[in-house]
Amino acid sequence: MDVEITRLSSKGQIVIPLNIRDGFVEGEKILLIRQGDKIILKKASEIDEQLKEDLEFARRTEEAYKKIDAGEGITMDFDDFIKEMKK
C-alpha cells in the first residue's frame, strides 16, 4: 500500500503523486466516491456492469427522495413502478 500527502488547491484540484497514479494515463476517466471524510478513486474503465447498475439505482433513488422531500412525490401501481425502474 502506498501513502502520500497532497494539497487541495483553491480551485478544488489535487495533484496525485507519481507513485500513486502509476497505471493511470493522462485523460483517463476516474470514478470518485465520497463517504464522509473519505474519497475513493477508481479507474472508471474498470467498473463492472453490476456496479454501474448499482450507481444508477443509487442516483435514481436519491433523485426520488429529493422529489418526495420537495412535495413532488407520486404514487403508482406495482407494474408501472417496475416498468419505470427498467428505463
PDB file of N, CA and C in Angstrom:
ATOM      1  N   MET A   1       0.857  -1.174   0.000  1.00  0.00           N
ATOM      2  CA  MET A   1       0.000   0.000   0.000  1.00  0.00           C
ATOM      3  C   MET A   1       0.901   1.234   0.000  1.00  0.00           C
ATOM      4  N   ASP A   2       0.587   2.186  -0.886  1.00  0.00           N
ATOM      5  CA  ASP A   2       1.316   3.446  -0.948  1.00  0.00           C
ATOM      6  C   ASP A   2       0.510   4.527  -0.247  1.00  0.00           C
ATOM      7  N   VAL A   3       1.191   5.397   0.469  1.00  0.00           N
ATOM      8  CA  VAL A   3       0.539   6.500   1.168  1.00  0.00           C
ATOM      9  C   VAL A   3       1.293   7.778   0.838  1.00  0.00           C
ATOM     10  N   GLU A   4       0.578   8.810   0.468  1.00  0.00           N
ATOM     11  CA  GLU A   4       1.164  10.112   0.154  1.00  0.00           C
ATOM     12  C   GLU A   4       0.256  11.202   0.708  1.00  0.00           C
ATOM     13  N   ILE A   5       0.799  12.390   0.877  1.00  0.00           N
ATOM     14  CA  ILE A   5       0.021  13.558   1.283  1.00  0.00           C
ATOM     15  C   ILE A   5       0.112  14.573   0.157  1.00  0.00           C
ATOM     16  N   THR A   6      -1.020  15.177  -0.180  1.00  0.00           N
ATOM     17  CA  THR A   6      -1.064  16.201  -1.219  1.00  0.00           C
ATOM     18  C   THR A   6      -1.929  17.343  -0.724  1.00  0.00           C
ATOM     19  N   ARG A   7      -2.073  18.384  -1.512  1.00  0.00           N
ATOM     20  CA  ARG A   7      -2.856  19.551  -1.105  1.00  0.00           C
ATOM     21  C   ARG A   7      -4.020  19.774  -2.071  1.00  0.00           C
ATOM     22  N   LEU A   8      -5.062  20.377  -1.560  1.00  0.00           N
ATOM     23  CA  LEU A   8      -6.210  20.788  -2.351  1.00  0.00           C
ATOM     24  C   LEU A   8      -6.011  22.250  -2.725  1.00  0.00           C
ATOM     25  N   SER A   9      -6.084  22.569  -4.028  1.00  0.00           N
ATOM     26  CA  SER A   9      -5.891  23.953  -4.473  1.00  0.00           C
ATOM     27  C   SER A   9      -7.163  24.769  -4.229  1.00  0.00           C
ATOM     28  N   SER A  10      -7.053  26.080  -4.399  1.00  0.00           N
ATOM     29  CA  SER A  10      -8.214  26.954  -4.236  1.00  0.00           C
ATOM     30  C   SER A  10      -9.279  26.676  -5.289  1.00  0.00           C
ATOM     31  N   LYS A  11      -8.889  26.010  -6.388  1.00  0.00           N
ATOM     32  CA  LYS A  11      -9.830  25.644  -7.448  1.00  0.00           C
ATOM     33  C   LYS A  11     -10.392  24.234  -7.248  1.00  0.00           C
ATOM     34  N   GLY A  12     -10.081  23.604  -6.116  1.00  0.00           N
ATOM     35  CA  GLY A  12     -10.597  22.272  -5.836  1.00  0.00           C
ATOM     36  C   GLY A  12      -9.812  21.167  -6.509  1.00  0.00           C
ATOM     37  N   GLN A  13      -8.634  21.463  -7.004  1.00  0.00           N
ATOM     38  CA  GLN A  13      -7.824  20.475  -7.703  1.00  0.00           C
ATOM     39  C   GLN A  13      -6.801  19.861  -6.751  1.00  0.00           C
ATOM     40  N   ILE A  14      -6.475  18.601  -7.019  1.00  0.00           N
ATOM     41  CA  ILE A  14      -5.405  17.946  -6.271  1.00  0.00           C
ATOM     42  C   ILE A  14      -4.416  17.344  -7.264  1.00  0.00           C
ATOM     43  N   VAL A  15      -3.179  17.214  -6.810  1.00  0.00           N
ATOM     44  CA  VAL A  15      -2.166  16.535  -7.597  1.00  0.00           C
ATOM     45  C   VAL A  15      -2.030  15.138  -7.001  1.00  0.00           C
ATOM     46  N   ILE A  16      -2.176  14.135  -7.855  1.00  0.00           N
ATOM     47  CA  ILE A  16      -1.982  12.759  -7.395  1.00  0.00           C
ATOM     48  C   ILE A  16      -0.503  12.438  -7.597  1.00  0.00           C
ATOM     49  N   PRO A  17       0.229  12.167  -6.514  1.00  0.00           N
ATOM     50  CA  PRO A  17       1.661  11.910  -6.638  1.00  0.00           C
ATOM     51  C   PRO A  17       1.956  10.764  -7.613  1.00  0.00           C
ATOM     52  N   LEU A  18       3.121  10.846  -8.257  1.00  0.00           N
ATOM     53  CA  LEU A  18       3.520   9.917  -9.308  1.00  0.00           C
ATOM     54  C   LEU A  18       3.369   8.452  -8.903  1.00  0.00           C
ATOM     55  N   ASN A  19       3.873   8.085  -7.729  1.00  0.00           N
ATOM     56  CA  ASN A  19       3.802   6.671  -7.345  1.00  0.00           C
ATOM     57  C   ASN A  19       2.378   6.199  -7.082  1.00  0.00           C
ATOM     58  N   ILE A  20       1.457   7.113  -6.773  1.00  0.00           N
ATOM     59  CA  ILE A  20       0.055   6.748  -6.548  1.00  0.00           C
ATOM     60  C   ILE A  20      -0.676   6.597  -7.882  1.00  0.00           C
ATOM     61  N   ARG A  21      -0.333   7.423  -8.863  1.00  0.00           N
ATOM     62  CA  ARG A  21      -1.030   7.372 -10.148  1.00  0.00           C
ATOM     63  C   ARG A  21      -0.398   6.386 -11.127  1.00  0.00           C
ATOM     64  N   ASP A  22       0.534   5.591 -10.685  1.00  0.00           N
ATOM     65  CA  ASP A  22       1.133   4.557 -11.532  1.00  0.00           C
ATOM     66  C   ASP A  22       0.035   3.665 -12.104  1.00  0.00           C
ATOM     67  N   GLY A  23       0.022   3.482 -13.406  1.00  0.00           N
ATOM     68  CA  GLY A  23      -1.001   2.668 -14.050  1.00  0.00           C
ATOM     69  C   GLY A  23      -2.169   3.479 -14.589  1.00  0.00           C
ATOM     70  N   PHE A  24      -2.229   4.758 -14.264  1.00  0.00           N
ATOM     71  CA  PHE A  24      -3.240   5.658 -14.814  1.00  0.00           C
ATOM     72  C   PHE A  24      -2.606   6.445 -15.951  1.00  0.00           C
ATOM     73  N   VAL A  25      -3.392   6.795 -16.949  1.00  0.00           N
ATOM     74  CA  VAL A  25      -2.858   7.569 -18.073  1.00  0.00           C
ATOM     75  C   VAL A  25      -3.582   8.910 -18.152  1.00  0.00           C
ATOM     76  N   GLU A  26      -2.915   9.897 -18.729  1.00  0.00           N
ATOM     77  CA  GLU A  26      -3.494  11.230 -18.866  1.00  0.00           C
ATOM     78  C   GLU A  26      -4.822  11.160 -19.616  1.00  0.00           C
ATOM     79  N   GLY A  27      -5.823  11.836 -19.112  1.00  0.00           N
ATOM     80  CA  GLY A  27      -7.131  11.866 -19.748  1.00  0.00           C
ATOM     81  C   GLY A  27      -8.050  10.724 -19.361  1.00  0.00           C
ATOM     82  N   GLU A  28      -7.542   9.782 -18.591  1.00  0.00           N
ATOM     83  CA  GLU A  28      -8.360   8.631 -18.189  1.00  0.00           C
ATOM     84  C   GLU A  28      -9.459   9.076 -17.224  1.00  0.00           C
ATOM     85  N   LYS A  29     -10.666   8.546 -17.403  1.00  0.00           N
ATOM     86  CA  LYS A  29     -11.779   8.869 -16.509  1.00  0.00           C
ATOM     87  C   LYS A  29     -11.586   8.134 -15.190  1.00  0.00           C
ATOM     88  N   ILE A  30     -11.895   8.854 -14.111  1.00  0.00           N
ATOM     89  CA  ILE A  30     -11.729   8.303 -12.769  1.00  0.00           C
ATOM     90  C   ILE A  30     -13.033   8.471 -12.009  1.00  0.00           C
ATOM     91  N   LEU A  31     -13.489   7.409 -11.389  1.00  0.00           N
ATOM     92  CA  LEU A  31     -14.683   7.423 -10.552  1.00  0.00           C
ATOM     93  C   LEU A  31     -14.276   7.878  -9.159  1.00  0.00           C
ATOM     94  N   LEU A  32     -15.008   8.842  -8.603  1.00  0.00           N
ATOM     95  CA  LEU A  32     -14.769   9.299  -7.237  1.00  0.00           C
ATOM     96  C   LEU A  32     -15.996   8.989  -6.408  1.00  0.00           C
ATOM     97  N   ILE A  33     -15.776   8.406  -5.253  1.00  0.00           N
ATOM     98  CA  ILE A  33     -16.862   8.074  -4.335  1.00  0.00           C
ATOM     99  C   ILE A  33     -16.526   8.712  -2.998  1.00  0.00           C
ATOM    100  N   ARG A  34     -17.438   9.529  -2.494  1.00  0.00           N
ATOM    101  CA  ARG A  34     -17.214  10.164  -1.199  1.00  0.00           C
ATOM    102  C   ARG A  34     -18.102   9.511  -0.159  1.00  0.00           C
ATOM    103  N   GLN A  35     -17.475   9.162   0.961  1.00  0.00           N
ATOM    104  CA  GLN A  35     -18.215   8.622   2.091  1.00  0.00           C
ATOM    105  C   GLN A  35     -17.679   9.307   3.338  1.00  0.00           C
ATOM    106  N   GLY A  36     -18.451  10.273   3.821  1.00  0.00           N
ATOM    107  CA  GLY A  36     -17.987  11.060   4.964  1.00  0.00           C
ATOM    108  C   GLY A  36     -16.744  11.841   4.592  1.00  0.00           C
ATOM    109  N   ASP A  37     -15.667  11.637   5.349  1.00  0.00           N
ATOM    110  CA  ASP A  37     -14.428  12.353   5.064  1.00  0.00           C
ATOM    111  C   ASP A  37     -13.450  11.539   4.225  1.00  0.00           C
ATOM    112  N   LYS A  38     -13.938  10.467   3.600  1.00  0.00           N
ATOM    113  CA  LYS A  38     -13.093   9.620   2.755  1.00  0.00           C
ATOM    114  C   LYS A  38     -13.483   9.781   1.292  1.00  0.00           C
ATOM    115  N   ILE A  39     -12.491   9.784   0.407  1.00  0.00           N
ATOM    116  CA  ILE A  39     -12.742   9.815  -1.027  1.00  0.00           C
ATOM    117  C   ILE A  39     -12.006   8.639  -1.642  1.00  0.00           C
ATOM    118  N   ILE A  40     -12.720   7.834  -2.411  1.00  0.00           N
ATOM    119  CA  ILE A  40     -12.145   6.674  -3.088  1.00  0.00           C
ATOM    120  C   ILE A  40     -12.059   7.006  -4.571  1.00  0.00           C
ATOM    121  N   LEU A  41     -10.906   6.756  -5.178  1.00  0.00           N
ATOM    122  CA  LEU A  41     -10.719   6.960  -6.608  1.00  0.00           C
ATOM    123  C   LEU A  41     -10.518   5.601  -7.256  1.00  0.00           C
ATOM    124  N   LYS A  42     -11.153   5.389  -8.398  1.00  0.00           N
ATOM    125  CA  LYS A  42     -11.048   4.112  -9.103  1.00  0.00           C
ATOM    126  C   LYS A  42     -11.107   4.395 -10.592  1.00  0.00           C
ATOM    127  N   LYS A  43     -10.355   3.622 -11.368  1.00  0.00           N
ATOM    128  CA  LYS A  43     -10.427   3.763 -12.819  1.00  0.00           C
ATOM    129  C   LYS A  43     -11.850   3.482 -13.273  1.00  0.00           C
ATOM    130  N   ALA A  44     -12.426   4.426 -13.998  1.00  0.00           N
ATOM    131  CA  ALA A  44     -13.795   4.249 -14.474  1.00  0.00           C
ATOM    132  C   ALA A  44     -13.867   3.099 -15.471  1.00  0.00           C
ATOM    133  N   SER A  45     -12.791   2.839 -16.193  1.00  0.00           N
ATOM    134  CA  SER A  45     -12.785   1.761 -17.183  1.00  0.00           C
ATOM    135  C   SER A  45     -12.870   0.385 -16.540  1.00  0.00           C
ATOM    136  N   GLU A  46     -12.609   0.302 -15.248  1.00  0.00           N
ATOM    137  CA  GLU A  46     -12.639  -0.990 -14.561  1.00  0.00           C
ATOM    138  C   GLU A  46     -13.952  -1.255 -13.829  1.00  0.00           C
ATOM    139  N   ILE A  47     -14.916  -0.361 -14.005  1.00  0.00           N
ATOM    140  CA  ILE A  47     -16.205  -0.555 -13.339  1.00  0.00           C
ATOM    141  C   ILE A  47     -16.946  -1.686 -14.025  1.00  0.00           C
ATOM    142  N   ASP A  48     -17.378  -2.651 -13.258  1.00  0.00           N
ATOM    143  CA  ASP A  48     -18.134  -3.739 -13.871  1.00  0.00           C
ATOM    144  C   ASP A  48     -19.600  -3.352 -14.030  1.00  0.00           C
ATOM    145  N   GLU A  49     -20.323  -4.101 -14.806  1.00  0.00           N
ATOM    146  CA  GLU A  49     -21.715  -3.778 -15.139  1.00  0.00           C
ATOM    147  C   GLU A  49     -22.601  -3.694 -13.901  1.00  0.00           C
ATOM    148  N   GLN A  50     -22.374  -4.568 -12.926  1.00  0.00           N
ATOM    149  CA  GLN A  50     -23.207  -4.538 -11.720  1.00  0.00           C
ATOM    150  C   GLN A  50     -23.009  -3.239 -10.953  1.00  0.00           C
ATOM    151  N   LEU A  51     -21.764  -2.773 -10.860  1.00  0.00           N
ATOM    152  CA  LEU A  51     -21.514  -1.520 -10.165  1.00  0.00           C
ATOM    153  C   LEU A  51     -22.181  -0.367 -10.897  1.00  0.00           C
ATOM    154  N   LYS A  52     -22.143  -0.370 -12.227  1.00  0.00           N
ATOM    155  CA  LYS A  52     -22.822   0.671 -12.997  1.00  0.00           C
ATOM    156  C   LYS A  52     -24.312   0.684 -12.671  1.00  0.00           C
ATOM    157  N   GLU A  53     -24.909  -0.506 -12.614  1.00  0.00           N
ATOM    158  CA  GLU A  53     -26.332  -0.599 -12.293  1.00  0.00           C
ATOM    159  C   GLU A  53     -26.597  -0.117 -10.868  1.00  0.00           C
ATOM    160  N   ASP A  54     -25.726  -0.479  -9.932  1.00  0.00           N
ATOM    161  CA  ASP A  54     -25.895  -0.050  -8.546  1.00  0.00           C
ATOM    162  C   ASP A  54     -25.789   1.470  -8.420  1.00  0.00           C
ATOM    163  N   LEU A  55     -24.837   2.074  -9.127  1.00  0.00           N
ATOM    164  CA  LEU A  55     -24.677   3.523  -9.081  1.00  0.00           C
ATOM    165  C   LEU A  55     -25.881   4.232  -9.687  1.00  0.00           C
ATOM    166  N   GLU A  56     -26.404   3.692 -10.775  1.00  0.00           N
ATOM    167  CA  GLU A  56     -27.594   4.285 -11.394  1.00  0.00           C
ATOM    168  C   GLU A  56     -28.794   4.167 -10.457  1.00  0.00           C
ATOM    169  N   PHE A  57     -28.943   3.015  -9.805  1.00  0.00           N
ATOM    170  CA  PHE A  57     -30.031   2.831  -8.847  1.00  0.00           C
ATOM    171  C   PHE A  57     -29.904   3.843  -7.705  1.00  0.00           C
ATOM    172  N   ALA A  58     -28.684   4.027  -7.191  1.00  0.00           N
ATOM    173  CA  ALA A  58     -28.461   4.984  -6.105  1.00  0.00           C
ATOM    174  C   ALA A  58     -28.779   6.400  -6.561  1.00  0.00           C
ATOM    175  N   ARG A  59     -28.391   6.753  -7.794  1.00  0.00           N
ATOM    176  CA  ARG A  59     -28.660   8.090  -8.321  1.00  0.00           C
ATOM    177  C   ARG A  59     -30.161   8.329  -8.424  1.00  0.00           C
ATOM    178  N   ARG A  60     -30.879   7.345  -8.963  1.00  0.00           N
ATOM    179  CA  ARG A  60     -32.320   7.492  -9.142  1.00  0.00           C
ATOM    180  C   ARG A  60     -33.048   7.502  -7.800  1.00  0.00           C
ATOM    181  N   THR A  61     -32.554   6.735  -6.836  1.00  0.00           N
ATOM    182  CA  THR A  61     -33.154   6.722  -5.505  1.00  0.00           C
ATOM    183  C   THR A  61     -32.983   8.078  -4.837  1.00  0.00           C
ATOM    184  N   GLU A  62     -31.779   8.644  -4.933  1.00  0.00           N
ATOM    185  CA  GLU A  62     -31.535   9.967  -4.362  1.00  0.00           C
ATOM    186  C   GLU A  62     -32.425  11.017  -5.029  1.00  0.00           C
ATOM    187  N   GLU A  63     -32.569  10.923  -6.335  1.00  0.00           N
ATOM    188  CA  GLU A  63     -33.440  11.836  -7.077  1.00  0.00           C
ATOM    189  C   GLU A  63     -34.882  11.730  -6.595  1.00  0.00           C
ATOM    190  N   ALA A  64     -35.343  10.506  -6.367  1.00  0.00           N
ATOM    191  CA  ALA A  64     -36.711  10.287  -5.900  1.00  0.00           C
ATOM    192  C   ALA A  64     -36.910  10.870  -4.501  1.00  0.00           C
ATOM    193  N   TYR A  65     -35.936  10.662  -3.614  1.00  0.00           N
ATOM    194  CA  TYR A  65     -36.060  11.214  -2.256  1.00  0.00           C
ATOM    195  C   TYR A  65     -36.107  12.735  -2.291  1.00  0.00           C
ATOM    196  N   LYS A  66     -35.329  13.359  -3.180  1.00  0.00           N
ATOM    197  CA  LYS A  66     -35.359  14.820  -3.296  1.00  0.00           C
ATOM    198  C   LYS A  66     -36.741  15.293  -3.745  1.00  0.00           C
ATOM    199  N   LYS A  67     -37.363  14.563  -4.684  1.00  0.00           N
ATOM    200  CA  LYS A  67     -38.710  14.925  -5.135  1.00  0.00           C
ATOM    201  C   LYS A  67     -39.722  14.765  -4.008  1.00  0.00           C
ATOM    202  N   ILE A  68     -39.606  13.689  -3.254  1.00  0.00           N
ATOM    203  CA  ILE A  68     -40.525  13.463  -2.138  1.00  0.00           C
ATOM    204  C   ILE A  68     -40.373  14.572  -1.111  1.00  0.00           C
ATOM    205  N   ASP A  69     -39.123  14.916  -0.771  1.00  0.00           N
ATOM    206  CA  ASP A  69     -38.881  15.992   0.196  1.00  0.00           C
ATOM    207  C   ASP A  69     -39.430  17.328  -0.289  1.00  0.00           C
ATOM    208  N   ALA A  70     -39.450  17.522  -1.608  1.00  0.00           N
ATOM    209  CA  ALA A  70     -39.961  18.770  -2.180  1.00  0.00           C
ATOM    210  C   ALA A  70     -41.473  18.724  -2.380  1.00  0.00           C
ATOM    211  N   GLY A  71     -42.112  17.643  -1.950  1.00  0.00           N
ATOM    212  CA  GLY A  71     -43.555  17.519  -2.093  1.00  0.00           C
ATOM    213  C   GLY A  71     -43.999  17.138  -3.491  1.00  0.00           C
ATOM    214  N   GLU A  72     -43.081  16.592  -4.288  1.00  0.00           N
ATOM    215  CA  GLU A  72     -43.383  16.235  -5.668  1.00  0.00           C
ATOM    216  C   GLU A  72     -43.518  14.726  -5.868  1.00  0.00           C
ATOM    217  N   GLY A  73     -43.752  13.997  -4.783  1.00  0.00           N
ATOM    218  CA  GLY A  73     -43.868  12.547  -4.884  1.00  0.00           C
ATOM    219  C   GLY A  73     -45.115  12.134  -5.639  1.00  0.00           C
ATOM    220  N   ILE A  74     -45.051  10.961  -6.251  1.00  0.00           N
ATOM    221  CA  ILE A  74     -46.208  10.420  -6.962  1.00  0.00           C
ATOM    222  C   ILE A  74     -46.453   9.001  -6.472  1.00  0.00           C
ATOM    223  N   THR A  75     -47.635   8.496  -6.752  1.00  0.00           N
ATOM    224  CA  THR A  75     -47.933   7.098  -6.457  1.00  0.00           C
ATOM    225  C   THR A  75     -48.235   6.391  -7.767  1.00  0.00           C
ATOM    226  N   MET A  76     -47.928   5.100  -7.802  1.00  0.00           N
ATOM    227  CA  MET A  76     -48.237   4.291  -8.990  1.00  0.00           C
ATOM    228  C   MET A  76     -48.366   2.846  -8.559  1.00  0.00           C
ATOM    229  N   ASP A  77     -49.027   2.053  -9.397  1.00  0.00           N
ATOM    230  CA  ASP A  77     -49.178   0.650  -9.033  1.00  0.00           C
ATOM    231  C   ASP A  77     -47.866  -0.090  -9.291  1.00  0.00           C
ATOM    232  N   PHE A  78     -47.762  -1.277  -8.761  1.00  0.00           N
ATOM    233  CA  PHE A  78     -46.530  -2.053  -8.792  1.00  0.00           C
ATOM    234  C   PHE A  78     -46.004  -2.267 -10.205  1.00  0.00           C
ATOM    235  N   ASP A  79     -46.861  -2.687 -11.135  1.00  0.00           N
ATOM    236  CA  ASP A  79     -46.417  -2.964 -12.504  1.00  0.00           C
ATOM    237  C   ASP A  79     -45.846  -1.718 -13.175  1.00  0.00           C
ATOM    238  N   ASP A  80     -46.475  -0.583 -12.980  1.00  0.00           N
ATOM    239  CA  ASP A  80     -45.955   0.666 -13.538  1.00  0.00           C
ATOM    240  C   ASP A  80     -44.614   1.029 -12.907  1.00  0.00           C
ATOM    241  N   PHE A  81     -44.494   0.770 -11.614  1.00  0.00           N
ATOM    242  CA  PHE A  81     -43.241   1.036 -10.909  1.00  0.00           C
ATOM    243  C   PHE A  81     -42.103   0.206 -11.514  1.00  0.00           C
ATOM    244  N   ILE A  82     -42.342  -1.076 -11.735  1.00  0.00           N
ATOM    245  CA  ILE A  82     -41.319  -1.954 -12.298  1.00  0.00           C
ATOM    246  C   ILE A  82     -40.941  -1.489 -13.710  1.00  0.00           C
ATOM    247  N   LYS A  83     -41.923  -1.119 -14.506  1.00  0.00           N
ATOM    248  CA  LYS A  83     -41.634  -0.602 -15.836  1.00  0.00           C
ATOM    249  C   LYS A  83     -40.750   0.646 -15.763  1.00  0.00           C
ATOM    250  N   GLU A  84     -41.066   1.531 -14.836  1.00  0.00           N
ATOM    251  CA  GLU A  84     -40.298   2.770 -14.663  1.00  0.00           C
ATOM    252  C   GLU A  84     -38.864   2.459 -14.237  1.00  0.00           C
ATOM    253  N   MET A  85     -38.688   1.475 -13.380  1.00  0.00           N
ATOM    254  CA  MET A  85     -37.353   1.115 -12.895  1.00  0.00           C
ATOM    255  C   MET A  85     -36.480   0.506 -13.979  1.00  0.00           C
ATOM    256  N   LYS A  86     -37.082  -0.066 -14.998  1.00  0.00           N
ATOM    257  CA  LYS A  86     -36.317  -0.706 -16.077  1.00  0.00           C
ATOM    258  C   LYS A  86     -35.839   0.288 -17.126  1.00  0.00           C
ATOM    259  N   LYS A  87     -36.278   1.522 -17.037  1.00  0.00           N
ATOM    260  CA  LYS A  87     -35.863   2.539 -18.022  1.00  0.00           C
ATOM    261  C   LYS A  87     -34.396   2.852 -17.897  1.00  0.00           C
TER     262      LYS A  87
END
